[in-house]
Amino acid sequence: MLIYIQWTRAVPQDWEAIEVTSLNDWRKLAQRAEPYSGMPGTMDVDLGPGLGLQTVIDPNHATANDPGWIYDLSFAGISCAGADHHYAGRNGPRIDYMRWCDDAEWTALGDRYAQRWSFAMPVTDTELGILQPDIQLTIWAESQARRDLYTGQFTGRPPARYPITVNDWSSFVAPGPANMVRHGIWMTDEQVAAHEAAKTFTPDFPGWASLTGG
């Protein structure tokens, strides 16, 4: 499965296209530990109301341009920017990609959430007459507003009409092992703007499908 990754860097770069046909491909991705206050390569910045003091990348540190923290990840035209954690692993014959947000700020807001896209071999969509990846989407959300939001957001988007299950956050269990989990890091508004400006294209579903034989 082809994915696009944009790493969090002091000097942002464009998307990188990475093949994750084997889970070893995901396991070999650059990895940086979950950020914490005082961590080498980071600094604490007050990001304002509702966010407060957060650990962000230190643009002047020697590791500032090293990959390992994910800013954005895209597959099948689905962008997964801004997550606290990312994971890929086996689920029987399927491959699962998960992202979830459970930092203290989400907990304080009562708005923790997670998403799991479960992939199988592509199948032909008989209504559209094209090859579609077989995807099942499962969502865990703490707030009813977010459960309603995600149900409406993904229904009808390509890949067309994939099944969606929405669960309460209380039933979510974070996946492992740790070497299959990648983390994000909080960013200032200026850092976010710089990363968005570094993107030279938006990975959409038709472009993704053309590269994967769809």
N, C-alpha and C. Protein backbone atom coordinates (compact mmCIF):
# COMPACT_ATOMS: atom_id res chain seq x y z
N MET A 1 0.84 -1.19 0.00
CA MET A 1 0.00 0.00 0.00
C MET A 1 0.88 1.23 0.00
N LEU A 2 0.63 2.15 -0.92
CA LEU A 2 1.39 3.37 -1.01
C LEU A 2 0.84 4.40 -0.03
N ILE A 3 1.72 5.02 0.74
CA ILE A 3 1.32 6.12 1.60
C ILE A 3 2.23 7.31 1.32
N TYR A 4 1.73 8.49 1.66
CA TYR A 4 2.53 9.71 1.61
C TYR A 4 2.75 10.18 3.04
N ILE A 5 3.97 10.57 3.35
CA ILE A 5 4.30 11.09 4.68
C ILE A 5 4.98 12.43 4.53
N GLN A 6 4.58 13.37 5.37
CA GLN A 6 5.32 14.61 5.53
C GLN A 6 5.82 14.66 6.97
N TRP A 7 7.13 14.63 7.14
CA TRP A 7 7.72 14.64 8.47
C TRP A 7 7.70 16.04 9.06
N THR A 8 7.64 16.13 10.37
CA THR A 8 7.79 17.41 11.08
C THR A 8 9.26 17.78 11.12
N ARG A 9 9.60 18.91 10.53
CA ARG A 9 11.00 19.35 10.47
C ARG A 9 11.07 20.86 10.69
N ALA A 10 12.24 21.32 11.13
CA ALA A 10 12.44 22.76 11.26
C ALA A 10 12.36 23.44 9.89
N VAL A 11 12.89 22.77 8.87
CA VAL A 11 12.76 23.24 7.49
C VAL A 11 11.89 22.22 6.77
N PRO A 12 10.59 22.49 6.64
CA PRO A 12 9.67 21.48 6.11
C PRO A 12 10.00 21.07 4.70
N GLN A 13 9.71 19.82 4.39
CA GLN A 13 9.88 19.27 3.05
C GLN A 13 8.55 18.77 2.52
N ASP A 14 8.55 18.41 1.27
CA ASP A 14 7.34 17.94 0.59
C ASP A 14 6.99 16.52 1.06
N TRP A 15 5.88 16.02 0.54
CA TRP A 15 5.48 14.63 0.78
C TRP A 15 6.59 13.67 0.34
N GLU A 16 6.70 12.55 1.03
CA GLU A 16 7.51 11.42 0.58
C GLU A 16 6.57 10.25 0.31
N ALA A 17 6.72 9.63 -0.84
CA ALA A 17 5.92 8.45 -1.17
C ALA A 17 6.63 7.20 -0.67
N ILE A 18 5.96 6.41 0.13
CA ILE A 18 6.55 5.23 0.75
C ILE A 18 5.65 4.03 0.55
N GLU A 19 6.23 2.92 0.14
CA GLU A 19 5.47 1.68 -0.06
C GLU A 19 5.50 0.87 1.24
N VAL A 20 4.32 0.48 1.71
CA VAL A 20 4.22 -0.31 2.94
C VAL A 20 3.49 -1.62 2.66
N THR A 21 3.89 -2.28 1.57
CA THR A 21 3.32 -3.57 1.24
C THR A 21 3.57 -4.57 2.37
N SER A 22 4.76 -4.50 2.93
CA SER A 22 5.12 -5.34 4.08
C SER A 22 5.11 -4.47 5.33
N LEU A 23 4.69 -5.06 6.45
CA LEU A 23 4.71 -4.31 7.69
C LEU A 23 6.12 -3.97 8.12
N ASN A 24 7.11 -4.69 7.61
CA ASN A 24 8.49 -4.31 7.87
C ASN A 24 8.79 -2.93 7.29
N ASP A 25 8.09 -2.58 6.19
CA ASP A 25 8.28 -1.27 5.60
C ASP A 25 7.86 -0.18 6.59
N TRP A 26 6.76 -0.41 7.29
CA TRP A 26 6.30 0.55 8.30
C TRP A 26 7.24 0.53 9.50
N ARG A 27 7.62 -0.65 9.94
CA ARG A 27 8.49 -0.78 11.12
C ARG A 27 9.83 -0.07 10.91
N LYS A 28 10.29 -0.02 9.66
CA LYS A 28 11.58 0.59 9.37
C LYS A 28 11.51 2.11 9.24
N LEU A 29 10.31 2.67 9.27
CA LEU A 29 10.20 4.12 9.20
C LEU A 29 10.95 4.76 10.36
N ALA A 30 11.50 5.94 10.10
CA ALA A 30 12.17 6.68 11.17
C ALA A 30 11.23 6.84 12.35
N GLN A 31 11.78 6.75 13.55
CA GLN A 31 10.97 6.79 14.76
C GLN A 31 11.60 7.69 15.81
N ARG A 32 10.79 8.60 16.35
CA ARG A 32 11.22 9.42 17.47
C ARG A 32 10.24 9.19 18.61
N ALA A 33 10.75 9.25 19.82
CA ALA A 33 9.92 8.95 21.00
C ALA A 33 8.80 9.97 21.16
N GLU A 34 7.78 9.59 21.91
CA GLU A 34 6.68 10.51 22.19
C GLU A 34 7.22 11.73 22.90
N PRO A 35 6.90 12.94 22.41
CA PRO A 35 7.49 14.15 22.99
C PRO A 35 7.07 14.36 24.45
N TYR A 36 7.96 14.94 25.23
CA TYR A 36 7.67 15.29 26.62
C TYR A 36 8.42 16.57 26.97
N SER A 37 7.96 17.27 27.97
CA SER A 37 8.57 18.52 28.38
C SER A 37 10.03 18.31 28.77
N GLY A 38 10.91 19.12 28.19
CA GLY A 38 12.34 19.01 28.47
C GLY A 38 13.06 18.01 27.59
N MET A 39 12.37 17.38 26.65
CA MET A 39 12.99 16.39 25.78
C MET A 39 14.02 17.06 24.87
N PRO A 40 15.22 16.48 24.73
CA PRO A 40 16.21 17.05 23.81
C PRO A 40 15.62 17.20 22.40
N GLY A 41 15.86 18.35 21.79
CA GLY A 41 15.34 18.62 20.45
C GLY A 41 14.00 19.31 20.45
N THR A 42 13.49 19.61 21.65
CA THR A 42 12.20 20.28 21.75
C THR A 42 12.31 21.50 22.65
N MET A 43 11.26 22.30 22.66
CA MET A 43 11.15 23.42 23.59
C MET A 43 9.68 23.56 23.96
N ASP A 44 9.42 24.17 25.11
CA ASP A 44 8.04 24.37 25.56
C ASP A 44 7.59 25.77 25.18
N VAL A 45 6.43 25.84 24.52
CA VAL A 45 5.90 27.11 24.01
C VAL A 45 4.45 27.24 24.44
N ASP A 46 4.05 28.43 24.84
CA ASP A 46 2.65 28.70 25.15
C ASP A 46 1.91 28.93 23.84
N LEU A 47 1.06 27.99 23.47
CA LEU A 47 0.34 28.07 22.19
C LEU A 47 -1.00 28.78 22.32
N GLY A 48 -1.33 29.27 23.50
CA GLY A 48 -2.51 30.11 23.61
C GLY A 48 -3.68 29.43 24.29
N PRO A 49 -4.83 30.12 24.33
CA PRO A 49 -6.02 29.62 25.04
C PRO A 49 -6.44 28.25 24.53
N GLY A 50 -6.74 27.36 25.46
CA GLY A 50 -7.18 26.03 25.10
C GLY A 50 -6.06 25.06 24.81
N LEU A 51 -4.86 25.57 24.61
CA LEU A 51 -3.71 24.72 24.31
C LEU A 51 -2.65 24.82 25.39
N GLY A 52 -2.38 26.06 25.83
CA GLY A 52 -1.44 26.25 26.93
C GLY A 52 -0.01 25.92 26.53
N LEU A 53 0.79 25.55 27.53
CA LEU A 53 2.20 25.26 27.33
C LEU A 53 2.36 23.88 26.70
N GLN A 54 2.98 23.85 25.52
CA GLN A 54 3.13 22.59 24.79
C GLN A 54 4.58 22.38 24.38
N THR A 55 4.95 21.12 24.24
CA THR A 55 6.26 20.74 23.77
C THR A 55 6.26 20.72 22.24
N VAL A 56 7.07 21.57 21.63
CA VAL A 56 7.14 21.67 20.17
C VAL A 56 8.58 21.46 19.73
N ILE A 57 8.79 21.24 18.45
CA ILE A 57 10.13 21.02 17.92
C ILE A 57 10.96 22.30 18.06
N ASP A 58 12.21 22.14 18.45
CA ASP A 58 13.13 23.26 18.59
C ASP A 58 13.86 23.45 17.25
N PRO A 59 13.55 24.51 16.51
CA PRO A 59 14.12 24.66 15.16
C PRO A 59 15.63 24.88 15.17
N ASN A 60 16.20 25.19 16.33
CA ASN A 60 17.64 25.44 16.40
C ASN A 60 18.44 24.25 16.90
N HIS A 61 17.78 23.16 17.20
CA HIS A 61 18.48 21.99 17.73
C HIS A 61 19.08 21.18 16.59
N ALA A 62 20.14 20.45 16.90
CA ALA A 62 20.85 19.67 15.88
C ALA A 62 19.95 18.61 15.24
N THR A 63 18.92 18.14 15.95
CA THR A 63 18.04 17.10 15.41
C THR A 63 16.80 17.67 14.71
N ALA A 64 16.76 19.00 14.55
CA ALA A 64 15.52 19.65 14.12
C ALA A 64 14.99 19.15 12.78
N ASN A 65 15.88 18.69 11.90
CA ASN A 65 15.44 18.25 10.58
C ASN A 65 15.40 16.73 10.44
N ASP A 66 15.65 16.03 11.53
CA ASP A 66 15.58 14.57 11.49
C ASP A 66 14.13 14.11 11.32
N PRO A 67 13.88 13.08 10.51
CA PRO A 67 12.53 12.52 10.44
C PRO A 67 12.22 11.72 11.70
N GLY A 68 10.95 11.35 11.84
CA GLY A 68 10.57 10.50 12.97
C GLY A 68 9.28 10.92 13.64
N TRP A 69 8.98 12.24 13.64
CA TRP A 69 7.67 12.73 14.07
C TRP A 69 6.86 13.02 12.81
N ILE A 70 5.62 12.54 12.76
CA ILE A 70 4.78 12.70 11.57
C ILE A 70 3.93 13.96 11.70
N TYR A 71 4.01 14.81 10.68
CA TYR A 71 3.10 15.96 10.60
C TYR A 71 1.82 15.55 9.86
N ASP A 72 1.97 14.95 8.68
CA ASP A 72 0.80 14.55 7.90
C ASP A 72 1.07 13.22 7.25
N LEU A 73 0.03 12.44 7.10
CA LEU A 73 0.10 11.14 6.43
C LEU A 73 -1.15 11.01 5.57
N SER A 74 -0.98 10.50 4.35
CA SER A 74 -2.11 10.39 3.43
C SER A 74 -2.08 9.06 2.70
N PHE A 75 -3.24 8.46 2.56
CA PHE A 75 -3.39 7.24 1.77
C PHE A 75 -4.80 7.23 1.22
N ALA A 76 -4.95 6.69 0.01
CA ALA A 76 -6.27 6.59 -0.64
C ALA A 76 -7.00 7.93 -0.64
N GLY A 77 -6.26 9.03 -0.71
CA GLY A 77 -6.88 10.35 -0.72
C GLY A 77 -7.34 10.82 0.64
N ILE A 78 -7.01 10.11 1.70
CA ILE A 78 -7.43 10.47 3.05
C ILE A 78 -6.24 11.05 3.79
N SER A 79 -6.36 12.30 4.25
CA SER A 79 -5.29 12.96 4.99
C SER A 79 -5.49 12.74 6.48
N CYS A 80 -4.39 12.46 7.17
CA CYS A 80 -4.44 12.18 8.62
C CYS A 80 -3.46 13.08 9.36
N ALA A 81 -3.58 14.38 9.15
CA ALA A 81 -2.68 15.33 9.80
C ALA A 81 -3.07 15.53 11.26
N GLY A 82 -2.08 15.92 12.05
CA GLY A 82 -2.36 16.40 13.39
C GLY A 82 -2.63 15.35 14.45
N ALA A 83 -2.36 14.08 14.17
CA ALA A 83 -2.63 13.05 15.16
C ALA A 83 -1.50 12.97 16.18
N ASP A 84 -1.86 12.56 17.40
CA ASP A 84 -0.83 12.33 18.42
C ASP A 84 -0.04 11.06 18.14
N HIS A 85 -0.70 10.05 17.56
CA HIS A 85 -0.06 8.75 17.36
C HIS A 85 -0.56 8.12 16.06
N HIS A 86 0.33 7.33 15.43
CA HIS A 86 0.01 6.60 14.20
C HIS A 86 0.49 5.16 14.35
N TYR A 87 -0.24 4.23 13.73
CA TYR A 87 0.11 2.81 13.87
C TYR A 87 -0.30 2.07 12.61
N ALA A 88 0.49 1.07 12.22
CA ALA A 88 0.10 0.14 11.16
C ALA A 88 0.42 -1.27 11.64
N GLY A 89 -0.47 -2.21 11.36
CA GLY A 89 -0.25 -3.58 11.81
C GLY A 89 -1.20 -4.54 11.12
N ARG A 90 -1.01 -5.82 11.39
CA ARG A 90 -1.84 -6.88 10.81
C ARG A 90 -3.10 -7.10 11.64
N ASN A 91 -4.19 -7.38 10.94
CA ASN A 91 -5.44 -7.77 11.57
C ASN A 91 -5.98 -8.95 10.76
N GLY A 92 -5.44 -10.16 11.04
CA GLY A 92 -5.75 -11.32 10.19
C GLY A 92 -5.20 -11.07 8.80
N PRO A 93 -6.03 -11.23 7.76
CA PRO A 93 -5.54 -11.01 6.39
C PRO A 93 -5.49 -9.53 6.01
N ARG A 94 -5.96 -8.66 6.88
CA ARG A 94 -6.05 -7.24 6.57
C ARG A 94 -4.86 -6.48 7.16
N ILE A 95 -4.63 -5.27 6.63
CA ILE A 95 -3.67 -4.33 7.20
C ILE A 95 -4.46 -3.16 7.78
N ASP A 96 -4.16 -2.83 9.03
CA ASP A 96 -4.83 -1.72 9.70
C ASP A 96 -3.90 -0.52 9.78
N TYR A 97 -4.45 0.66 9.48
CA TYR A 97 -3.78 1.91 9.83
C TYR A 97 -4.65 2.62 10.86
N MET A 98 -4.04 3.08 11.94
CA MET A 98 -4.78 3.76 13.00
C MET A 98 -4.11 5.08 13.34
N ARG A 99 -4.92 6.05 13.70
CA ARG A 99 -4.42 7.27 14.30
C ARG A 99 -5.31 7.61 15.48
N TRP A 100 -4.72 8.22 16.52
CA TRP A 100 -5.55 8.59 17.66
C TRP A 100 -4.96 9.81 18.37
N CYS A 101 -5.85 10.54 19.04
CA CYS A 101 -5.50 11.76 19.77
C CYS A 101 -5.99 11.61 21.21
N ASP A 102 -5.04 11.55 22.14
CA ASP A 102 -5.40 11.36 23.54
C ASP A 102 -4.50 12.15 24.48
N ASP A 103 -3.84 13.20 23.96
CA ASP A 103 -3.02 14.05 24.82
C ASP A 103 -3.90 14.72 25.88
N ALA A 104 -3.24 15.34 26.85
CA ALA A 104 -3.96 15.93 27.98
C ALA A 104 -5.01 16.94 27.55
N GLU A 105 -4.73 17.68 26.47
CA GLU A 105 -5.68 18.69 26.01
C GLU A 105 -6.98 18.06 25.52
N TRP A 106 -6.85 16.96 24.78
CA TRP A 106 -8.06 16.27 24.31
C TRP A 106 -8.83 15.70 25.50
N THR A 107 -8.09 15.17 26.48
CA THR A 107 -8.74 14.62 27.67
C THR A 107 -9.50 15.70 28.42
N ALA A 108 -8.87 16.87 28.58
CA ALA A 108 -9.51 17.96 29.30
C ALA A 108 -10.79 18.43 28.60
N LEU A 109 -10.78 18.36 27.28
CA LEU A 109 -11.96 18.78 26.51
C LEU A 109 -13.02 17.70 26.41
N GLY A 110 -12.70 16.48 26.86
CA GLY A 110 -13.63 15.36 26.69
C GLY A 110 -13.82 15.00 25.24
N ASP A 111 -12.72 15.11 24.45
CA ASP A 111 -12.84 14.97 23.00
C ASP A 111 -11.76 14.05 22.43
N ARG A 112 -11.35 13.04 23.18
CA ARG A 112 -10.40 12.07 22.64
C ARG A 112 -11.06 11.25 21.52
N TYR A 113 -10.25 10.85 20.52
CA TYR A 113 -10.81 10.08 19.42
C TYR A 113 -9.74 9.24 18.74
N ALA A 114 -10.19 8.24 18.01
CA ALA A 114 -9.29 7.36 17.25
C ALA A 114 -10.01 6.90 16.00
N GLN A 115 -9.22 6.58 14.98
CA GLN A 115 -9.77 6.06 13.72
C GLN A 115 -8.93 4.88 13.26
N ARG A 116 -9.58 3.86 12.76
CA ARG A 116 -8.87 2.71 12.19
C ARG A 116 -9.42 2.43 10.80
N TRP A 117 -8.53 2.48 9.80
CA TRP A 117 -8.86 2.06 8.45
C TRP A 117 -8.28 0.66 8.26
N SER A 118 -9.12 -0.29 7.95
CA SER A 118 -8.70 -1.68 7.77
C SER A 118 -8.77 -2.02 6.29
N PHE A 119 -7.62 -2.42 5.71
CA PHE A 119 -7.49 -2.64 4.27
C PHE A 119 -7.42 -4.13 3.95
N ALA A 120 -8.08 -4.52 2.87
CA ALA A 120 -7.89 -5.85 2.28
C ALA A 120 -7.54 -5.66 0.81
N MET A 121 -7.44 -6.76 0.07
CA MET A 121 -7.12 -6.66 -1.34
C MET A 121 -8.17 -5.83 -2.07
N PRO A 122 -7.77 -4.99 -3.04
CA PRO A 122 -8.75 -4.19 -3.79
C PRO A 122 -9.78 -5.06 -4.51
N VAL A 123 -10.98 -4.56 -4.59
CA VAL A 123 -12.07 -5.26 -5.28
C VAL A 123 -12.71 -4.29 -6.26
N THR A 124 -13.43 -4.83 -7.25
CA THR A 124 -14.10 -3.99 -8.24
C THR A 124 -15.41 -3.48 -7.68
N ASP A 125 -15.59 -2.16 -7.71
CA ASP A 125 -16.84 -1.54 -7.32
C ASP A 125 -17.82 -1.72 -8.48
N THR A 126 -18.82 -2.56 -8.30
CA THR A 126 -19.72 -2.89 -9.41
C THR A 126 -20.55 -1.70 -9.86
N GLU A 127 -20.80 -0.75 -8.97
CA GLU A 127 -21.59 0.41 -9.34
C GLU A 127 -20.77 1.42 -10.13
N LEU A 128 -19.51 1.64 -9.70
CA LEU A 128 -18.65 2.61 -10.36
C LEU A 128 -17.83 1.99 -11.48
N GLY A 129 -17.66 0.66 -11.46
CA GLY A 129 -16.90 -0.02 -12.49
C GLY A 129 -15.41 0.21 -12.42
N ILE A 130 -14.90 0.51 -11.22
CA ILE A 130 -13.46 0.72 -11.05
C ILE A 130 -12.97 -0.10 -9.86
N LEU A 131 -11.65 -0.28 -9.83
CA LEU A 131 -11.04 -1.02 -8.73
C LEU A 131 -10.96 -0.11 -7.50
N GLN A 132 -11.46 -0.61 -6.38
CA GLN A 132 -11.44 0.14 -5.14
C GLN A 132 -10.74 -0.68 -4.06
N PRO A 133 -9.98 -0.04 -3.19
CA PRO A 133 -9.45 -0.79 -2.05
C PRO A 133 -10.59 -1.16 -1.12
N ASP A 134 -10.57 -2.37 -0.61
CA ASP A 134 -11.58 -2.83 0.34
C ASP A 134 -11.24 -2.24 1.71
N ILE A 135 -11.99 -1.24 2.15
CA ILE A 135 -11.70 -0.52 3.38
C ILE A 135 -12.89 -0.61 4.34
N GLN A 136 -12.57 -0.82 5.60
CA GLN A 136 -13.55 -0.71 6.67
C GLN A 136 -13.04 0.33 7.65
N LEU A 137 -13.88 1.29 8.02
CA LEU A 137 -13.48 2.37 8.91
C LEU A 137 -14.18 2.22 10.25
N THR A 138 -13.39 2.23 11.32
CA THR A 138 -13.93 2.20 12.68
C THR A 138 -13.47 3.44 13.41
N ILE A 139 -14.39 4.08 14.10
CA ILE A 139 -14.11 5.32 14.82
C ILE A 139 -14.48 5.14 16.29
N TRP A 140 -13.60 5.64 17.15
CA TRP A 140 -13.91 5.75 18.58
C TRP A 140 -13.88 7.23 18.92
N ALA A 141 -14.92 7.73 19.55
CA ALA A 141 -14.97 9.15 19.87
C ALA A 141 -15.61 9.37 21.24
N GLU A 142 -15.02 10.31 21.97
CA GLU A 142 -15.50 10.58 23.32
C GLU A 142 -16.74 11.46 23.32
N SER A 143 -16.81 12.41 22.40
CA SER A 143 -17.95 13.32 22.36
C SER A 143 -18.94 12.91 21.28
N GLN A 144 -20.20 13.13 21.56
CA GLN A 144 -21.23 12.82 20.57
C GLN A 144 -21.08 13.69 19.33
N ALA A 145 -20.66 14.94 19.53
CA ALA A 145 -20.47 15.84 18.39
C ALA A 145 -19.44 15.29 17.42
N ARG A 146 -18.34 14.73 17.95
CA ARG A 146 -17.33 14.18 17.05
C ARG A 146 -17.81 12.89 16.40
N ARG A 147 -18.57 12.08 17.12
CA ARG A 147 -19.12 10.87 16.49
C ARG A 147 -20.01 11.25 15.31
N ASP A 148 -20.83 12.27 15.50
CA ASP A 148 -21.70 12.73 14.41
C ASP A 148 -20.86 13.32 13.27
N LEU A 149 -19.82 14.08 13.62
CA LEU A 149 -18.97 14.72 12.60
C LEU A 149 -18.32 13.68 11.71
N TYR A 150 -17.70 12.66 12.29
CA TYR A 150 -16.95 11.70 11.48
C TYR A 150 -17.86 10.80 10.68
N THR A 151 -19.03 10.50 11.19
CA THR A 151 -19.96 9.71 10.39
C THR A 151 -20.33 10.46 9.12
N GLY A 152 -20.61 11.76 9.25
CA GLY A 152 -20.97 12.54 8.08
C GLY A 152 -19.79 12.84 7.19
N GLN A 153 -18.59 12.97 7.77
CA GLN A 153 -17.42 13.38 6.99
C GLN A 153 -17.00 12.33 5.99
N PHE A 154 -17.07 11.05 6.35
CA PHE A 154 -16.52 10.02 5.50
C PHE A 154 -17.55 9.30 4.64
N THR A 155 -18.83 9.40 4.97
CA THR A 155 -19.84 8.73 4.17
C THR A 155 -19.84 9.32 2.76
N GLY A 156 -19.71 8.44 1.77
CA GLY A 156 -19.79 8.85 0.38
C GLY A 156 -18.49 9.34 -0.22
N ARG A 157 -17.42 9.49 0.58
CA ARG A 157 -16.14 9.90 0.00
C ARG A 157 -15.45 8.71 -0.65
N PRO A 158 -14.70 8.96 -1.70
CA PRO A 158 -13.93 7.85 -2.27
C PRO A 158 -12.83 7.44 -1.31
N PRO A 159 -12.52 6.13 -1.22
CA PRO A 159 -13.20 5.03 -1.86
C PRO A 159 -14.68 4.97 -1.48
N ALA A 160 -15.51 4.72 -2.47
CA ALA A 160 -16.94 4.93 -2.31
C ALA A 160 -17.58 3.99 -1.30
N ARG A 161 -18.39 4.56 -0.43
CA ARG A 161 -19.34 3.81 0.40
C ARG A 161 -18.70 2.70 1.23
N TYR A 162 -17.55 2.93 1.80
CA TYR A 162 -17.00 1.89 2.65
C TYR A 162 -17.72 1.91 4.00
N PRO A 163 -17.86 0.75 4.63
CA PRO A 163 -18.63 0.68 5.88
C PRO A 163 -17.95 1.41 7.03
N ILE A 164 -18.76 2.07 7.85
CA ILE A 164 -18.26 2.86 8.97
C ILE A 164 -18.94 2.37 10.24
N THR A 165 -18.13 2.13 11.26
CA THR A 165 -18.64 1.79 12.58
C THR A 165 -18.16 2.84 13.56
N VAL A 166 -19.06 3.38 14.37
CA VAL A 166 -18.72 4.41 15.33
C VAL A 166 -18.94 3.88 16.75
N ASN A 167 -17.89 3.95 17.57
CA ASN A 167 -17.94 3.44 18.93
C ASN A 167 -17.65 4.54 19.94
N ASP A 168 -18.00 4.30 21.19
CA ASP A 168 -17.64 5.21 22.26
C ASP A 168 -16.16 5.05 22.59
N TRP A 169 -15.54 6.15 22.98
CA TRP A 169 -14.11 6.14 23.29
C TRP A 169 -13.76 5.11 24.37
N SER A 170 -14.67 4.84 25.28
CA SER A 170 -14.37 3.96 26.40
C SER A 170 -13.97 2.56 25.97
N SER A 171 -14.31 2.18 24.74
CA SER A 171 -13.97 0.83 24.27
C SER A 171 -12.66 0.80 23.49
N PHE A 172 -11.99 1.95 23.33
CA PHE A 172 -10.75 1.99 22.55
C PHE A 172 -9.58 1.45 23.37
N VAL A 173 -8.77 0.61 22.73
CA VAL A 173 -7.53 0.11 23.32
C VAL A 173 -6.39 0.46 22.36
N ALA A 174 -5.42 1.20 22.85
CA ALA A 174 -4.30 1.61 22.00
C ALA A 174 -3.54 0.38 21.51
N PRO A 175 -3.19 0.33 20.22
CA PRO A 175 -2.50 -0.84 19.67
C PRO A 175 -1.01 -0.82 20.00
N GLY A 176 -0.38 -1.92 19.79
CA GLY A 176 1.07 -2.08 19.97
C GLY A 176 1.54 -3.14 19.00
N PRO A 177 2.81 -3.52 19.03
CA PRO A 177 3.86 -3.09 19.96
C PRO A 177 4.36 -1.67 19.68
N ALA A 178 5.19 -1.18 20.62
CA ALA A 178 5.64 0.20 20.55
C ALA A 178 6.43 0.50 19.28
N ASN A 179 7.15 -0.50 18.74
CA ASN A 179 7.96 -0.22 17.55
C ASN A 179 7.12 -0.06 16.29
N MET A 180 5.81 -0.26 16.40
CA MET A 180 4.91 -0.03 15.27
C MET A 180 4.14 1.28 15.41
N VAL A 181 4.38 2.02 16.49
CA VAL A 181 3.69 3.28 16.74
C VAL A 181 4.63 4.44 16.41
N ARG A 182 4.11 5.41 15.67
CA ARG A 182 4.84 6.64 15.40
C ARG A 182 4.04 7.80 16.02
N HIS A 183 4.75 8.86 16.38
CA HIS A 183 4.12 9.95 17.14
C HIS A 183 4.17 11.26 16.36
N GLY A 184 3.29 12.15 16.75
CA GLY A 184 3.33 13.52 16.27
C GLY A 184 3.85 14.41 17.38
N ILE A 185 3.96 15.69 17.09
CA ILE A 185 4.39 16.68 18.08
C ILE A 185 3.60 17.96 17.83
N TRP A 186 3.24 18.66 18.91
CA TRP A 186 2.54 19.93 18.76
C TRP A 186 3.41 20.89 17.95
N MET A 187 2.75 21.83 17.23
CA MET A 187 3.46 22.80 16.41
C MET A 187 2.86 24.17 16.61
N THR A 188 3.67 25.20 16.45
CA THR A 188 3.16 26.56 16.47
C THR A 188 2.39 26.83 15.18
N ASP A 189 1.60 27.89 15.18
CA ASP A 189 0.87 28.25 13.96
C ASP A 189 1.83 28.49 12.80
N GLU A 190 2.98 29.11 13.10
CA GLU A 190 3.96 29.39 12.06
C GLU A 190 4.54 28.10 11.49
N GLN A 191 4.80 27.11 12.36
CA GLN A 191 5.33 25.83 11.88
C GLN A 191 4.29 25.10 11.03
N VAL A 192 3.04 25.13 11.45
CA VAL A 192 1.98 24.50 10.65
C VAL A 192 1.90 25.15 9.28
N ALA A 193 1.90 26.47 9.25
CA ALA A 193 1.81 27.19 7.97
C ALA A 193 2.98 26.84 7.06
N ALA A 194 4.18 26.72 7.63
CA ALA A 194 5.36 26.39 6.84
C ALA A 194 5.26 24.99 6.25
N HIS A 195 4.73 24.04 7.02
CA HIS A 195 4.59 22.68 6.50
C HIS A 195 3.54 22.62 5.40
N GLU A 196 2.46 23.35 5.58
CA GLU A 196 1.45 23.37 4.52
C GLU A 196 2.00 24.00 3.25
N ALA A 197 2.79 25.04 3.40
CA ALA A 197 3.36 25.73 2.24
C ALA A 197 4.36 24.86 1.50
N ALA A 198 4.98 23.90 2.21
CA ALA A 198 6.00 23.05 1.58
C ALA A 198 5.38 21.96 0.69
N LYS A 199 4.09 21.74 0.82
CA LYS A 199 3.43 20.71 0.00
C LYS A 199 3.22 21.24 -1.41
N THR A 200 3.66 20.47 -2.39
CA THR A 200 3.50 20.90 -3.78
C THR A 200 2.28 20.27 -4.44
N PHE A 201 1.60 19.37 -3.78
CA PHE A 201 0.39 18.77 -4.32
C PHE A 201 -0.44 18.21 -3.17
N THR A 202 -1.71 17.93 -3.47
CA THR A 202 -2.61 17.31 -2.51
C THR A 202 -2.88 15.88 -2.97
N PRO A 203 -2.42 14.87 -2.24
CA PRO A 203 -2.67 13.49 -2.66
C PRO A 203 -4.18 13.21 -2.65
N ASP A 204 -4.74 12.99 -3.83
CA ASP A 204 -6.17 12.69 -3.90
C ASP A 204 -6.36 11.22 -4.26
N PHE A 205 -7.60 10.77 -4.24
CA PHE A 205 -7.85 9.35 -4.50
C PHE A 205 -7.49 8.94 -5.91
N PRO A 206 -7.88 9.69 -6.96
CA PRO A 206 -7.51 9.26 -8.32
C PRO A 206 -6.00 9.14 -8.52
N GLY A 207 -5.25 10.11 -7.96
CA GLY A 207 -3.79 10.03 -8.10
C GLY A 207 -3.21 8.84 -7.37
N TRP A 208 -3.72 8.59 -6.17
CA TRP A 208 -3.26 7.45 -5.40
C TRP A 208 -3.59 6.15 -6.13
N ALA A 209 -4.81 6.04 -6.66
CA ALA A 209 -5.23 4.82 -7.34
C ALA A 209 -4.40 4.57 -8.59
N SER A 210 -4.04 5.65 -9.31
CA SER A 210 -3.26 5.45 -10.53
C SER A 210 -1.87 4.91 -10.23
N LEU A 211 -1.32 5.28 -9.08
CA LEU A 211 0.00 4.81 -8.69
C LEU A 211 -0.03 3.39 -8.13
N THR A 212 -1.19 2.96 -7.67
CA THR A 212 -1.31 1.63 -7.05
C THR A 212 -2.00 0.63 -7.96
N GLY A 213 -2.28 1.04 -9.20
CA GLY A 213 -2.88 0.11 -10.14
C GLY A 213 -4.40 0.07 -10.09
N GLY A 214 -5.00 1.05 -9.38
CA GLY A 214 -6.45 1.09 -9.25
C GLY A 214 -7.11 1.69 -10.46
